Amino acid sequence: MSAPDGSPVGAERSIGQLFASATTEMSALVHDEIALAKAQLKQDVKRGAVSGGAFSVAGAVLLFSLPMLNFALAYGIRTWSGWNLAVCFLLSFAANVLVAGFLGLIGLVFAKKAKKGKGPQKVAASMKQTAGVLQLAKPHPRPETAALEDRTPQAIEAVARSSS
């Protein structure tokens, strides 16, 4: 088994190798987060398209069915009941409005589902949380070694300046 940079696991790695590994993993994480956001956005767009299609069908049904259905239904009611022809036409129009209203409600349900979709917002919050965790990460302090005690104060000060 090996680390992402190819070195064996458990082997001592330099700061540069650790930084390169962390950078690679962070880049992969960002790419995965972007892919997730795209997939969730695609799903929301699909729901919106279904909603728009349902609204379009509702409008088309109302528009194109009114003349044909009104005449057929009105004359059918007139034949069956013997009522005045104007009342029969009103009843046939009411039936068409009910069908269009039902299709409009279906479109409204899908529109609300598309509006509730919070795909990209979830991903953005996750990325902010990851960035917050990384900002709070601090390196481990270096242990004091006996070798530093044997050196002169100037050498210790130079080492302290180079490590900060």
C-alpha atoms as a PDB file:
ATOM      1  CA  MET A   1       0.000   0.000   0.000  1.00  0.00           C
ATOM      2  CA  SER A   2       1.297   3.477  -0.761  1.00  0.00           C
ATOM      3  CA  ALA A   3       0.387   7.093  -0.172  1.00  0.00           C
ATOM      4  CA  PRO A   4      -1.123   9.238  -2.969  1.00  0.00           C
ATOM      5  CA  ASP A   5       2.333  10.499  -3.929  1.00  0.00           C
ATOM      6  CA  GLY A   6       3.697   6.947  -4.322  1.00  0.00           C
ATOM      7  CA  SER A   7       5.786   6.730  -1.168  1.00  0.00           C
ATOM      8  CA  PRO A   8       5.207   3.772   1.147  1.00  0.00           C
ATOM      9  CA  VAL A   9       2.794   4.284   4.025  1.00  0.00           C
ATOM     10  CA  GLY A  10       4.522   4.769   7.347  1.00  0.00           C
ATOM     11  CA  ALA A  11       7.717   6.097   5.759  1.00  0.00           C
ATOM     12  CA  GLU A  12       8.917   9.500   6.823  1.00  0.00           C
ATOM     13  CA  ARG A  13       7.872  12.087   4.253  1.00  0.00           C
ATOM     14  CA  SER A  14       9.247  15.576   3.933  1.00  0.00           C
ATOM     15  CA  ILE A  15       7.187  18.723   4.484  1.00  0.00           C
ATOM     16  CA  GLY A  16       7.196  19.305   0.732  1.00  0.00           C
ATOM     17  CA  GLN A  17       5.804  15.832   0.056  1.00  0.00           C
ATOM     18  CA  LEU A  18       3.143  16.298   2.730  1.00  0.00           C
ATOM     19  CA  PHE A  19       2.193  19.693   1.295  1.00  0.00           C
ATOM     20  CA  ALA A  20       2.051  18.292  -2.247  1.00  0.00           C
ATOM     21  CA  SER A  21      -0.111  15.418  -1.046  1.00  0.00           C
ATOM     22  CA  ALA A  22      -2.436  17.785   0.820  1.00  0.00           C
ATOM     23  CA  THR A  23      -2.673  20.066  -2.231  1.00  0.00           C
ATOM     24  CA  THR A  24      -3.508  17.129  -4.492  1.00  0.00           C
ATOM     25  CA  GLU A  25      -6.162  15.851  -2.113  1.00  0.00           C
ATOM     26  CA  MET A  26      -7.656  19.337  -1.702  1.00  0.00           C
ATOM     27  CA  SER A  27      -7.783  19.756  -5.485  1.00  0.00           C
ATOM     28  CA  ALA A  28      -9.536  16.395  -5.833  1.00  0.00           C
ATOM     29  CA  LEU A  29     -11.991  17.381  -3.093  1.00  0.00           C
ATOM     30  CA  VAL A  30     -12.814  20.661  -4.840  1.00  0.00           C
ATOM     31  CA  HIS A  31     -13.306  18.873  -8.170  1.00  0.00           C
ATOM     32  CA  ASP A  32     -15.607  16.334  -6.515  1.00  0.00           C
ATOM     33  CA  GLU A  33     -17.604  19.116  -4.835  1.00  0.00           C
ATOM     34  CA  ILE A  34     -18.011  20.877  -8.195  1.00  0.00           C
ATOM     35  CA  ALA A  35     -19.168  17.633  -9.835  1.00  0.00           C
ATOM     36  CA  LEU A  36     -21.698  17.155  -7.038  1.00  0.00           C
ATOM     37  CA  ALA A  37     -22.984  20.703  -7.473  1.00  0.00           C
ATOM     38  CA  LYS A  38     -23.385  20.134 -11.215  1.00  0.00           C
ATOM     39  CA  ALA A  39     -25.327  16.903 -10.655  1.00  0.00           C
ATOM     40  CA  GLN A  40     -27.655  18.544  -8.140  1.00  0.00           C
ATOM     41  CA  LEU A  41     -28.168  21.556 -10.383  1.00  0.00           C
ATOM     42  CA  LYS A  42     -28.975  19.229 -13.286  1.00  0.00           C
ATOM     43  CA  GLN A  43     -31.657  17.545 -11.175  1.00  0.00           C
ATOM     44  CA  ASP A  44     -33.187  20.910 -10.237  1.00  0.00           C
ATOM     45  CA  VAL A  45     -33.233  21.992 -13.887  1.00  0.00           C
ATOM     46  CA  LYS A  46     -34.932  18.721 -14.831  1.00  0.00           C
ATOM     47  CA  ARG A  47     -37.663  19.324 -12.244  1.00  0.00           C
ATOM     48  CA  GLY A  48     -38.125  22.847 -13.569  1.00  0.00           C
ATOM     49  CA  ALA A  49     -38.426  21.521 -17.117  1.00  0.00           C
ATOM     50  CA  VAL A  50     -41.113  19.038 -16.048  1.00  0.00           C
ATOM     51  CA  SER A  51     -42.955  21.884 -14.335  1.00  0.00           C
ATOM     52  CA  GLY A  52     -42.765  24.080 -17.423  1.00  0.00           C
ATOM     53  CA  GLY A  53     -43.904  21.207 -19.605  1.00  0.00           C
ATOM     54  CA  ALA A  54     -46.918  20.541 -17.370  1.00  0.00           C
ATOM     55  CA  PHE A  55     -47.880  24.229 -17.469  1.00  0.00           C
ATOM     56  CA  SER A  56     -47.516  24.243 -21.259  1.00  0.00           C
ATOM     57  CA  VAL A  57     -49.660  21.138 -21.640  1.00  0.00           C
ATOM     58  CA  ALA A  58     -52.298  22.654 -19.352  1.00  0.00           C
ATOM     59  CA  GLY A  59     -52.419  25.770 -21.503  1.00  0.00           C
ATOM     60  CA  ALA A  60     -52.508  23.808 -24.742  1.00  0.00           C
ATOM     61  CA  VAL A  61     -55.324  21.567 -23.475  1.00  0.00           C
ATOM     62  CA  LEU A  62     -57.341  24.564 -22.421  1.00  0.00           C
ATOM     63  CA  LEU A  63     -56.724  26.408 -25.666  1.00  0.00           C
ATOM     64  CA  PHE A  64     -57.189  23.657 -28.238  1.00  0.00           C
ATOM     65  CA  SER A  65     -59.914  21.683 -26.522  1.00  0.00           C
ATOM     66  CA  LEU A  66     -62.290  24.533 -25.869  1.00  0.00           C
ATOM     67  CA  PRO A  67     -63.912  24.800 -29.287  1.00  0.00           C
ATOM     68  CA  MET A  68     -64.204  21.070 -29.982  1.00  0.00           C
ATOM     69  CA  LEU A  69     -65.074  19.925 -26.498  1.00  0.00           C
ATOM     70  CA  ASN A  70     -67.488  22.766 -25.849  1.00  0.00           C
ATOM     71  CA  PHE A  71     -69.563  21.997 -28.897  1.00  0.00           C
ATOM     72  CA  ALA A  72     -69.548  18.234 -28.379  1.00  0.00           C
ATOM     73  CA  LEU A  73     -70.267  18.425 -24.670  1.00  0.00           C
ATOM     74  CA  ALA A  74     -72.874  21.152 -24.968  1.00  0.00           C
ATOM     75  CA  TYR A  75     -74.833  19.292 -27.643  1.00  0.00           C
ATOM     76  CA  GLY A  76     -74.469  16.051 -25.670  1.00  0.00           C
ATOM     77  CA  ILE A  77     -75.879  17.661 -22.508  1.00  0.00           C
ATOM     78  CA  ARG A  78     -78.670  19.225 -24.562  1.00  0.00           C
ATOM     79  CA  THR A  79     -79.582  15.855 -26.059  1.00  0.00           C
ATOM     80  CA  TRP A  80     -79.461  14.072 -22.690  1.00  0.00           C
ATOM     81  CA  SER A  81     -81.235  16.685 -20.539  1.00  0.00           C
ATOM     82  CA  GLY A  82     -83.182  18.935 -22.882  1.00  0.00           C
ATOM     83  CA  TRP A  83     -81.822  22.062 -21.133  1.00  0.00           C
ATOM     84  CA  ASN A  84     -81.255  25.407 -22.789  1.00  0.00           C
ATOM     85  CA  LEU A  85     -78.240  25.333 -25.163  1.00  0.00           C
ATOM     86  CA  ALA A  86     -76.500  28.265 -23.386  1.00  0.00           C
ATOM     87  CA  VAL A  87     -76.510  26.400 -20.049  1.00  0.00           C
ATOM     88  CA  CYS A  88     -75.085  23.347 -21.780  1.00  0.00           C
ATOM     89  CA  PHE A  89     -72.209  25.416 -23.235  1.00  0.00           C
ATOM     90  CA  LEU A  90     -71.426  26.856 -19.771  1.00  0.00           C
ATOM     91  CA  LEU A  91     -71.268  23.366 -18.286  1.00  0.00           C
ATOM     92  CA  SER A  92     -68.911  22.166 -21.018  1.00  0.00           C
ATOM     93  CA  PHE A  93     -66.639  25.200 -20.445  1.00  0.00           C
ATOM     94  CA  ALA A  94     -66.595  24.480 -16.688  1.00  0.00           C
ATOM     95  CA  ALA A  95     -65.453  20.909 -17.379  1.00  0.00           C
ATOM     96  CA  ASN A  96     -62.557  22.217 -19.502  1.00  0.00           C
ATOM     97  CA  VAL A  97     -61.531  24.671 -16.797  1.00  0.00           C
ATOM     98  CA  LEU A  98     -61.458  21.830 -14.238  1.00  0.00           C
ATOM     99  CA  VAL A  99     -59.140  19.738 -16.441  1.00  0.00           C
ATOM    100  CA  ALA A 100     -56.810  22.700 -17.029  1.00  0.00           C
ATOM    101  CA  GLY A 101     -56.841  23.499 -13.293  1.00  0.00           C
ATOM    102  CA  PHE A 102     -55.842  19.916 -12.462  1.00  0.00           C
ATOM    103  CA  LEU A 103     -52.919  20.041 -14.911  1.00  0.00           C
ATOM    104  CA  GLY A 104     -51.937  23.442 -13.518  1.00  0.00           C
ATOM    105  CA  LEU A 105     -51.819  21.976  -9.996  1.00  0.00           C
ATOM    106  CA  ILE A 106     -49.517  19.209 -11.222  1.00  0.00           C
ATOM    107  CA  GLY A 107     -47.238  21.869 -12.705  1.00  0.00           C
ATOM    108  CA  LEU A 108     -47.319  23.806  -9.427  1.00  0.00           C
ATOM    109  CA  VAL A 109     -46.273  20.739  -7.421  1.00  0.00           C
ATOM    110  CA  PHE A 110     -43.260  20.155  -9.664  1.00  0.00           C
ATOM    111  CA  ALA A 111     -42.365  23.866  -9.577  1.00  0.00           C
ATOM    112  CA  LYS A 112     -42.291  23.811  -5.763  1.00  0.00           C
ATOM    113  CA  LYS A 113     -40.082  20.714  -5.797  1.00  0.00           C
ATOM    114  CA  ALA A 114     -37.668  22.424  -8.177  1.00  0.00           C
ATOM    115  CA  LYS A 115     -37.651  25.555  -6.010  1.00  0.00           C
ATOM    116  CA  LYS A 116     -36.922  23.535  -2.849  1.00  0.00           C
ATOM    117  CA  GLY A 117     -33.871  21.941  -4.443  1.00  0.00           C
ATOM    118  CA  LYS A 118     -30.872  23.209  -2.503  1.00  0.00           C
ATOM    119  CA  GLY A 119     -28.174  21.221  -4.266  1.00  0.00           C
ATOM    120  CA  PRO A 120     -25.593  23.961  -4.919  1.00  0.00           C
ATOM    121  CA  GLN A 121     -26.321  25.631  -1.575  1.00  0.00           C
ATOM    122  CA  LYS A 122     -25.517  22.390   0.275  1.00  0.00           C
ATOM    123  CA  VAL A 123     -22.262  21.986  -1.622  1.00  0.00           C
ATOM    124  CA  ALA A 124     -21.271  25.610  -0.976  1.00  0.00           C
ATOM    125  CA  ALA A 125     -21.937  25.181   2.747  1.00  0.00           C
ATOM    126  CA  SER A 126     -19.874  21.980   2.776  1.00  0.00           C
ATOM    127  CA  MET A 127     -16.966  23.722   1.032  1.00  0.00           C
ATOM    128  CA  LYS A 128     -17.113  26.627   3.500  1.00  0.00           C
ATOM    129  CA  GLN A 129     -17.061  24.169   6.386  1.00  0.00           C
ATOM    130  CA  THR A 130     -14.046  22.373   4.901  1.00  0.00           C
ATOM    131  CA  ALA A 131     -12.225  25.676   4.415  1.00  0.00           C
ATOM    132  CA  GLY A 132     -13.037  26.675   8.012  1.00  0.00           C
ATOM    133  CA  VAL A 133     -11.590  23.431   9.346  1.00  0.00           C
ATOM    134  CA  LEU A 134      -8.433  23.867   7.281  1.00  0.00           C
ATOM    135  CA  GLN A 135      -7.972  27.446   8.476  1.00  0.00           C
ATOM    136  CA  LEU A 136      -8.076  26.290  12.081  1.00  0.00           C
ATOM    137  CA  ALA A 137      -5.503  23.539  11.491  1.00  0.00           C
ATOM    138  CA  LYS A 138      -2.163  24.296  13.105  1.00  0.00           C
ATOM    139  CA  PRO A 139       1.106  22.430  12.669  1.00  0.00           C
ATOM    140  CA  HIS A 140       2.364  20.277  15.490  1.00  0.00           C
ATOM    141  CA  PRO A 141       5.114  21.939  17.555  1.00  0.00           C
ATOM    142  CA  ARG A 142       8.600  20.583  17.036  1.00  0.00           C
ATOM    143  CA  PRO A 143      10.028  18.715  20.021  1.00  0.00           C
ATOM    144  CA  GLU A 144      12.990  20.244  21.779  1.00  0.00           C
ATOM    145  CA  THR A 145      16.128  18.236  21.114  1.00  0.00           C
ATOM    146  CA  ALA A 146      19.303  17.902  23.120  1.00  0.00           C
ATOM    147  CA  ALA A 147      21.289  18.961  20.066  1.00  0.00           C
ATOM    148  CA  LEU A 148      19.899  22.506  20.314  1.00  0.00           C
ATOM    149  CA  GLU A 149      21.022  22.844  23.918  1.00  0.00           C
ATOM    150  CA  ASP A 150      24.663  22.293  22.934  1.00  0.00           C
ATOM    151  CA  ARG A 151      24.677  25.097  20.362  1.00  0.00           C
ATOM    152  CA  THR A 152      25.420  28.737  20.840  1.00  0.00           C
ATOM    153  CA  PRO A 153      22.584  31.243  21.375  1.00  0.00           C
ATOM    154  CA  GLN A 154      23.168  32.712  17.891  1.00  0.00           C
ATOM    155  CA  ALA A 155      22.644  29.313  16.263  1.00  0.00           C
ATOM    156  CA  ILE A 156      19.482  28.699  18.281  1.00  0.00           C
ATOM    157  CA  GLU A 157      18.132  32.118  17.300  1.00  0.00           C
ATOM    158  CA  ALA A 158      18.873  31.426  13.604  1.00  0.00           C
ATOM    159  CA  VAL A 159      17.030  28.105  13.784  1.00  0.00           C
ATOM    160  CA  ALA A 160      14.092  29.771  15.534  1.00  0.00           C
ATOM    161  CA  ARG A 161      13.879  32.445  12.849  1.00  0.00           C
ATOM    162  CA  SER A 162      14.034  29.934  10.010  1.00  0.00           C
ATOM    163  CA  SER A 163      11.265  27.741  11.463  1.00  0.00           C
ATOM    164  CA  SER A 164       8.771  30.534  12.106  1.00  0.00           C
END
